[in-house]
Amino acid sequence: MGGPPTGPVVLPANQPADRFYAGGARIAEFRGPTGSPAGGDHVPEDWVGSATTLFGEDAVGLTVLPGGTTLTDAVAADPVAWLGPERAAARGADVGLLVKLLDAGERLPVHAHPDVPFAARHLGLAHGKTEAWVALTAAPVHLGFRRDVGAAELRRWVDEQDTAAVLEAMHVLDLEPGDAVLVPAGLPHAIGAGAFVVELQEPTDLSILVEWAGFAIDGAAAGHLGLGFDAALAAVDRRGRSATQIAALRGARVVDSGDLLPAAAPFFRVERWRGSGEWDAGFAVAVVVGGAGALVQPGGTRTEVRRGSTVLVPWSAGALRLEAAPGAALEVLRCRPPAVG
């Protein structure tokens, strides 16, 4: 893609290969016969509209646009066209968002992500990794501790890889299709086997592993962001939470439309749209989770979409009309960076 963007861009799959946990079949089914060319059973993540690389990598994870330019380079060349004048003036070429399709072919290891102050202090980064899930299937997730956990106890669990003790200390939240759940930075969590989610997060790949036994990763070497566990585990929220507090992280259910997670506003925004509607101009990543229809630009140019489509929407596309196809139960998740100001 050369020059400034002229409209929405329908994206192919972008699945980093040989991840340390299994998955990928649900992404292939969701996208359809021609949408997910990745092979193997360890391609559980599709990085959608990504200007973020895997931790420690130079290019893996970046979205490549038609014509061969990465999204990172395209936004750097024309941040106003992509992000709009307000965001470009305030944040430069910082897209401010990473969206993934995540298919947990097995339970993920327990881990946590640093918050903004920790990432700034220890890694020199502008973003931590608060994240959120919009569930497309039912599955359990481990989320937060049921009691206060001491620093020495947590370190012992990590050193001994005492998975049973870690999981016993955590809440289990049963996700249902349509649920939206906020996962604040620092909160230990593990998505359960069978989960297929649209994941929004701050645009980093920062994970601190509490557990790795049985997974294809050397957690002792790779689980602490190069900081050592003495420093890295300080980012883990060891506070005990009640079941009510954990349940409150589920901000929306399947019946809800509009803003699904108002509490996530400092980090990102996610809206559920059903049927037709009007979108204001702005950078977004759209994931079509049901039905079929089109995104229609002010001049009438149409971008056809269907279940499994992922679409990059630049600010320069203008105000769009989301138009459902006749008889189609169109459902779209519109994912956006935080508002400026």
Protein backbone atom coordinates (compact mmCIF):
# COMPACT_ATOMS: atom_id res chain seq x y z
CA MET A 1 0.00 0.00 0.00
CA GLY A 2 1.64 3.23 -1.16
CA GLY A 3 0.52 6.73 -0.22
CA PRO A 4 -2.10 7.63 2.36
CA PRO A 5 -4.90 5.15 3.07
CA THR A 6 -8.08 5.66 1.08
CA GLY A 7 -10.48 3.39 2.92
CA PRO A 8 -10.90 0.32 5.10
CA VAL A 9 -8.41 -2.51 4.57
CA VAL A 10 -9.58 -6.11 4.88
CA LEU A 11 -6.71 -8.01 6.47
CA PRO A 12 -5.47 -11.55 5.98
CA ALA A 13 -4.50 -13.68 8.95
CA ASN A 14 -1.27 -12.74 10.75
CA GLN A 15 -0.39 -15.75 12.88
CA PRO A 16 3.12 -15.99 14.34
CA ALA A 17 4.32 -19.56 13.97
CA ASP A 18 5.43 -22.09 16.56
CA ARG A 19 4.01 -20.48 19.67
CA PHE A 20 4.56 -22.24 22.98
CA TYR A 21 0.92 -23.27 23.42
CA ALA A 22 -1.50 -25.08 21.13
CA GLY A 23 -4.33 -23.61 19.08
CA GLY A 24 -5.34 -22.27 15.69
CA ALA A 25 -8.22 -24.47 14.51
CA ARG A 26 -10.90 -22.03 15.69
CA ILE A 27 -9.18 -19.15 13.91
CA ALA A 28 -9.17 -21.15 10.68
CA GLU A 29 -12.87 -22.02 11.05
CA PHE A 30 -13.77 -18.42 11.93
CA ARG A 31 -11.94 -16.91 8.99
CA GLY A 32 -13.15 -19.48 6.47
CA PRO A 33 -11.44 -21.63 3.82
CA THR A 34 -9.20 -18.89 2.40
CA GLY A 35 -8.69 -16.75 5.47
CA SER A 36 -6.15 -18.58 7.65
CA PRO A 37 -3.28 -20.13 5.71
CA ALA A 38 -1.15 -20.77 8.80
CA GLY A 39 -0.33 -24.43 9.29
CA GLY A 40 0.25 -26.58 12.34
CA ASP A 41 -1.42 -26.68 15.72
CA HIS A 42 0.67 -24.01 17.49
CA VAL A 43 -0.62 -20.88 15.72
CA PRO A 44 -3.13 -19.78 18.39
CA GLU A 45 -2.91 -16.02 17.88
CA ASP A 46 -3.87 -13.78 14.96
CA TRP A 47 -2.38 -10.31 15.47
CA VAL A 48 -4.88 -7.98 13.83
CA GLY A 49 -3.87 -4.49 12.70
CA SER A 50 -0.64 -4.87 14.63
CA ALA A 51 2.08 -2.28 15.00
CA THR A 52 3.57 -4.43 17.77
CA THR A 53 6.21 -7.15 17.56
CA LEU A 54 6.66 -10.21 19.70
CA PHE A 55 8.89 -9.42 22.66
CA GLY A 56 12.51 -9.46 21.54
CA GLU A 57 11.68 -9.66 17.83
CA ASP A 58 12.27 -7.01 15.14
CA ALA A 59 9.36 -7.76 12.81
CA VAL A 60 7.40 -10.87 13.84
CA GLY A 61 3.86 -9.83 14.71
CA LEU A 62 3.66 -6.74 12.51
CA THR A 63 0.74 -6.40 10.11
CA VAL A 64 1.87 -6.19 6.47
CA LEU A 65 -0.47 -4.14 4.28
CA PRO A 66 -1.26 -4.77 0.61
CA GLY A 67 1.84 -3.74 -1.28
CA GLY A 68 4.25 -4.99 1.39
CA THR A 69 4.48 -2.01 3.75
CA THR A 70 4.15 -2.71 7.46
CA LEU A 71 1.43 -0.88 9.33
CA THR A 72 4.15 0.61 11.53
CA ASP A 73 5.92 2.20 8.57
CA ALA A 74 2.67 3.33 6.95
CA VAL A 75 1.49 5.10 10.11
CA ALA A 76 4.90 6.68 10.65
CA ALA A 77 4.77 8.07 7.11
CA ASP A 78 1.32 9.64 7.55
CA PRO A 79 0.05 9.54 11.13
CA VAL A 80 -2.72 12.06 10.49
CA ALA A 81 -4.28 9.99 7.69
CA TRP A 82 -4.23 6.86 9.81
CA LEU A 83 -4.89 8.16 13.31
CA GLY A 84 -6.48 11.59 12.83
CA PRO A 85 -5.10 15.04 13.64
CA GLU A 86 -5.86 14.96 17.38
CA ARG A 87 -4.22 11.62 18.08
CA ALA A 88 -1.29 12.37 15.78
CA ALA A 89 -0.68 15.67 17.54
CA ALA A 90 -0.86 14.08 20.97
CA ARG A 91 0.72 10.65 20.37
CA GLY A 92 2.59 10.88 17.07
CA ALA A 93 2.56 7.54 15.27
CA ASP A 94 1.59 5.53 18.36
CA VAL A 95 -1.38 3.39 17.28
CA GLY A 96 -2.18 2.75 20.94
CA LEU A 97 -3.87 -0.62 20.47
CA LEU A 98 -3.26 -4.28 19.70
CA VAL A 99 -6.10 -6.65 18.81
CA LYS A 100 -5.77 -10.43 18.57
CA LEU A 101 -7.88 -13.44 17.83
CA LEU A 102 -6.81 -15.98 20.45
CA ASP A 103 -7.68 -19.67 20.26
CA ALA A 104 -6.64 -21.57 23.37
CA GLY A 105 -6.14 -25.13 22.20
CA GLU A 106 -4.96 -25.85 25.73
CA ARG A 107 -5.02 -23.94 29.00
CA LEU A 108 -2.49 -21.13 28.92
CA PRO A 109 0.11 -20.89 31.70
CA VAL A 110 -0.57 -18.54 34.59
CA HIS A 111 1.04 -15.18 33.88
CA ALA A 112 0.67 -11.45 34.46
CA HIS A 113 1.49 -8.25 32.62
CA PRO A 114 3.20 -5.10 33.93
CA ASP A 115 1.39 -1.80 34.26
CA VAL A 116 2.44 1.49 32.69
CA PRO A 117 4.63 2.74 35.59
CA PHE A 118 6.49 -0.59 35.79
CA ALA A 119 7.01 -0.72 32.02
CA ALA A 120 8.26 2.86 31.98
CA ARG A 121 10.60 2.41 34.94
CA HIS A 122 12.10 -0.95 34.03
CA LEU A 123 11.75 -1.16 30.24
CA GLY A 124 11.55 2.45 29.04
CA LEU A 125 8.17 1.86 27.38
CA ALA A 126 5.10 4.08 27.15
CA HIS A 127 2.64 1.20 27.55
CA GLY A 128 2.08 -1.65 29.95
CA LYS A 129 -0.36 -4.41 29.10
CA THR A 130 -3.83 -4.06 30.46
CA GLU A 131 -6.00 -6.31 28.30
CA ALA A 132 -9.59 -7.45 27.77
CA TRP A 133 -11.39 -10.41 26.28
CA VAL A 134 -14.62 -10.60 24.32
CA ALA A 135 -15.54 -14.27 24.41
CA LEU A 136 -16.73 -16.06 21.27
CA THR A 137 -16.97 -19.46 23.00
CA ALA A 138 -17.66 -20.68 26.51
CA ALA A 139 -14.59 -21.52 28.60
CA PRO A 140 -13.20 -21.16 32.11
CA VAL A 141 -10.48 -18.65 32.97
CA HIS A 142 -8.33 -18.41 36.06
CA LEU A 143 -8.32 -14.80 37.19
CA GLY A 144 -6.79 -13.21 40.29
CA PHE A 145 -5.95 -14.64 43.71
CA ARG A 146 -8.61 -15.64 46.25
CA ARG A 147 -6.38 -14.55 49.12
CA ASP A 148 -3.37 -12.38 49.69
CA VAL A 149 -0.22 -14.14 48.51
CA GLY A 150 3.10 -13.20 50.07
CA ALA A 151 6.08 -12.29 47.92
CA ALA A 152 8.11 -15.22 49.26
CA GLU A 153 5.23 -17.63 48.64
CA LEU A 154 4.84 -16.48 45.05
CA ARG A 155 8.56 -16.79 44.45
CA ARG A 156 8.54 -20.31 45.86
CA TRP A 157 5.69 -21.29 43.54
CA VAL A 158 7.68 -19.95 40.59
CA ASP A 159 10.96 -21.58 41.61
CA GLU A 160 9.32 -24.94 42.30
CA GLN A 161 6.78 -24.65 39.47
CA ASP A 162 4.05 -25.60 41.91
CA THR A 163 1.17 -25.43 39.46
CA ALA A 164 -1.31 -27.04 41.84
CA ALA A 165 -0.72 -24.40 44.52
CA VAL A 166 -1.00 -21.54 42.02
CA LEU A 167 -4.27 -22.73 40.51
CA GLU A 168 -5.76 -23.56 43.92
CA ALA A 169 -5.19 -19.98 45.01
CA MET A 170 -6.96 -18.47 41.99
CA HIS A 171 -10.58 -17.67 41.14
CA VAL A 172 -12.24 -19.41 38.19
CA LEU A 173 -14.61 -17.35 36.06
CA ASP A 174 -16.74 -19.20 33.53
CA LEU A 175 -16.94 -17.18 30.32
CA GLU A 176 -19.99 -17.40 28.10
CA PRO A 177 -20.16 -16.29 24.45
CA GLY A 178 -20.56 -12.52 24.30
CA ASP A 179 -18.97 -11.79 27.68
CA ALA A 180 -16.51 -8.89 27.85
CA VAL A 181 -13.94 -9.05 30.65
CA LEU A 182 -11.34 -6.49 31.69
CA VAL A 183 -7.97 -7.84 32.87
CA PRO A 184 -6.06 -5.05 34.61
CA ALA A 185 -2.27 -5.06 34.35
CA GLY A 186 -0.69 -7.06 37.14
CA LEU A 187 -3.63 -9.43 37.65
CA PRO A 188 -2.50 -13.06 37.30
CA HIS A 189 -4.60 -15.02 34.83
CA ALA A 190 -4.77 -18.07 32.58
CA ILE A 191 -7.26 -18.54 29.74
CA GLY A 192 -8.75 -22.03 29.77
CA ALA A 193 -8.73 -24.67 27.04
CA GLY A 194 -11.44 -24.12 24.45
CA ALA A 195 -11.55 -20.36 24.79
CA PHE A 196 -11.78 -18.37 21.58
CA VAL A 197 -11.67 -14.65 22.26
CA VAL A 198 -11.13 -11.30 20.64
CA GLU A 199 -8.41 -9.83 22.82
CA LEU A 200 -7.71 -6.11 23.11
CA GLN A 201 -4.61 -4.86 24.84
CA GLU A 202 -2.13 -2.10 25.16
CA PRO A 203 0.34 -2.43 22.27
CA THR A 204 3.10 -4.46 23.93
CA ASP A 205 4.05 -8.12 24.26
CA LEU A 206 5.07 -8.10 27.92
CA SER A 207 4.34 -11.22 29.95
CA ILE A 208 5.72 -12.43 33.28
CA LEU A 209 5.34 -16.18 33.66
CA VAL A 210 4.31 -17.65 36.99
CA GLU A 211 3.95 -21.10 35.44
CA TRP A 212 5.59 -22.82 32.48
CA ALA A 213 6.02 -26.48 33.44
CA GLY A 214 4.70 -28.65 30.61
CA PHE A 215 4.77 -25.86 28.01
CA ALA A 216 7.26 -25.49 25.16
CA ILE A 217 9.02 -22.49 26.66
CA ASP A 218 12.03 -22.00 28.90
CA GLY A 219 10.27 -19.89 31.47
CA ALA A 220 13.33 -19.63 33.70
CA ALA A 221 15.05 -17.76 30.87
CA ALA A 222 12.14 -16.10 29.07
CA GLY A 223 9.59 -15.55 31.79
CA HIS A 224 10.90 -12.38 33.41
CA LEU A 225 11.35 -9.89 30.52
CA GLY A 226 15.12 -10.01 30.96
CA LEU A 227 14.80 -8.37 34.37
CA GLY A 228 15.21 -11.42 36.60
CA PHE A 229 12.37 -12.71 38.73
CA ASP A 230 13.35 -10.59 41.72
CA ALA A 231 12.33 -7.50 39.74
CA ALA A 232 9.69 -8.98 37.45
CA LEU A 233 7.49 -10.56 40.12
CA ALA A 234 7.04 -7.15 41.73
CA ALA A 235 4.67 -6.41 38.84
CA VAL A 236 2.31 -9.25 39.85
CA ASP A 237 -0.76 -8.17 41.82
CA ARG A 238 -0.69 -10.50 44.84
CA ARG A 239 -3.77 -9.07 46.56
CA GLY A 240 -6.67 -11.35 47.34
CA ARG A 241 -9.99 -10.47 45.70
CA SER A 242 -13.51 -11.55 46.48
CA ALA A 243 -15.61 -13.49 44.00
CA THR A 244 -17.78 -10.39 43.68
CA GLN A 245 -14.76 -8.27 42.70
CA ILE A 246 -13.71 -10.78 40.06
CA ALA A 247 -17.25 -11.03 38.68
CA ALA A 248 -17.31 -7.22 38.39
CA LEU A 249 -14.52 -7.41 35.80
CA ARG A 250 -17.12 -8.89 33.44
CA GLY A 251 -18.46 -5.64 32.05
CA ALA A 252 -20.96 -6.88 29.47
CA ARG A 253 -22.95 -9.95 28.46
CA VAL A 254 -24.17 -11.17 25.09
CA VAL A 255 -27.35 -9.05 25.20
CA ASP A 256 -25.34 -5.82 25.52
CA SER A 257 -24.40 -3.51 22.66
CA GLY A 258 -22.47 -0.24 22.54
CA ASP A 259 -19.47 0.33 24.82
CA LEU A 260 -18.79 -3.06 26.41
CA LEU A 261 -16.11 -2.01 28.91
CA PRO A 262 -16.35 1.63 30.04
CA ALA A 263 -13.73 0.94 32.73
CA ALA A 264 -11.18 0.17 29.98
CA ALA A 265 -11.41 3.69 28.52
CA PRO A 266 -7.92 4.81 29.65
CA PHE A 267 -6.41 1.91 27.67
CA PHE A 268 -8.74 1.07 24.74
CA ARG A 269 -12.39 0.98 23.72
CA VAL A 270 -14.53 -1.87 22.42
CA GLU A 271 -18.05 -1.50 21.05
CA ARG A 272 -20.49 -4.14 19.85
CA TRP A 273 -22.61 -3.17 16.84
CA ARG A 274 -25.57 -5.20 15.63
CA GLY A 275 -27.25 -4.49 12.31
CA SER A 276 -26.72 -1.15 10.60
CA GLY A 277 -25.36 2.03 12.15
CA GLU A 278 -23.24 5.14 11.71
CA TRP A 279 -19.57 5.27 12.73
CA ASP A 280 -17.73 8.50 13.38
CA ALA A 281 -14.34 8.91 11.71
CA GLY A 282 -11.45 7.38 13.60
CA PHE A 283 -8.82 4.68 13.62
CA ALA A 284 -10.27 1.28 14.47
CA VAL A 285 -9.85 -2.45 14.10
CA ALA A 286 -13.16 -4.12 13.25
CA VAL A 287 -13.81 -7.82 13.81
CA VAL A 288 -16.94 -9.23 12.20
CA VAL A 289 -18.19 -11.93 14.55
CA GLY A 290 -21.47 -12.72 12.77
CA GLY A 291 -23.45 -12.19 9.58
CA ALA A 292 -22.45 -10.12 6.58
CA GLY A 293 -22.65 -6.57 5.29
CA ALA A 294 -20.48 -3.65 4.26
CA LEU A 295 -18.65 -0.58 5.48
CA VAL A 296 -19.77 2.28 3.26
CA GLN A 297 -17.68 5.45 2.87
CA PRO A 298 -19.23 8.91 2.43
CA GLY A 299 -18.72 8.74 -1.36
CA GLY A 300 -20.44 5.37 -1.58
CA THR A 301 -17.39 3.10 -1.81
CA ARG A 302 -18.23 -0.22 -0.19
CA THR A 303 -16.02 -2.65 1.66
CA GLU A 304 -17.83 -5.97 1.88
CA VAL A 305 -17.40 -7.94 5.12
CA ARG A 306 -18.66 -11.21 6.58
CA ARG A 307 -18.15 -13.34 9.67
CA GLY A 308 -14.41 -13.79 10.12
CA SER A 309 -13.41 -10.54 8.41
CA THR A 310 -10.91 -8.34 10.21
CA VAL A 311 -10.74 -4.78 8.94
CA LEU A 312 -8.31 -1.93 9.54
CA VAL A 313 -10.14 1.40 9.47
CA PRO A 314 -8.03 4.57 9.04
CA TRP A 315 -9.26 7.98 10.14
CA SER A 316 -9.06 9.16 6.52
CA ALA A 317 -11.85 6.75 5.55
CA GLY A 318 -14.21 9.27 7.14
CA ALA A 319 -17.53 8.62 8.83
CA LEU A 320 -18.71 5.18 7.76
CA ARG A 321 -22.08 3.52 7.52
CA LEU A 322 -22.19 -0.03 8.80
CA GLU A 323 -24.74 -1.70 6.56
CA ALA A 324 -26.13 -5.16 7.23
CA ALA A 325 -26.86 -7.41 4.28
CA PRO A 326 -30.57 -8.24 3.89
CA GLY A 327 -31.53 -10.99 6.28
CA ALA A 328 -28.01 -11.18 7.78
CA ALA A 329 -27.52 -10.91 11.52
CA LEU A 330 -24.50 -8.62 11.25
CA GLU A 331 -22.45 -8.29 14.45
CA VAL A 332 -19.19 -6.34 14.60
CA LEU A 333 -16.73 -5.52 17.35
CA ARG A 334 -15.23 -2.07 16.81
CA CYS A 335 -11.93 -1.84 18.69
CA ARG A 336 -10.31 1.56 19.19
CA PRO A 337 -7.43 3.17 21.06
CA PRO A 338 -8.28 5.41 23.99
CA ALA A 339 -9.75 8.81 23.27
CA VAL A 340 -7.28 11.68 23.28
CA GLY A 341 -7.65 14.24 26.05
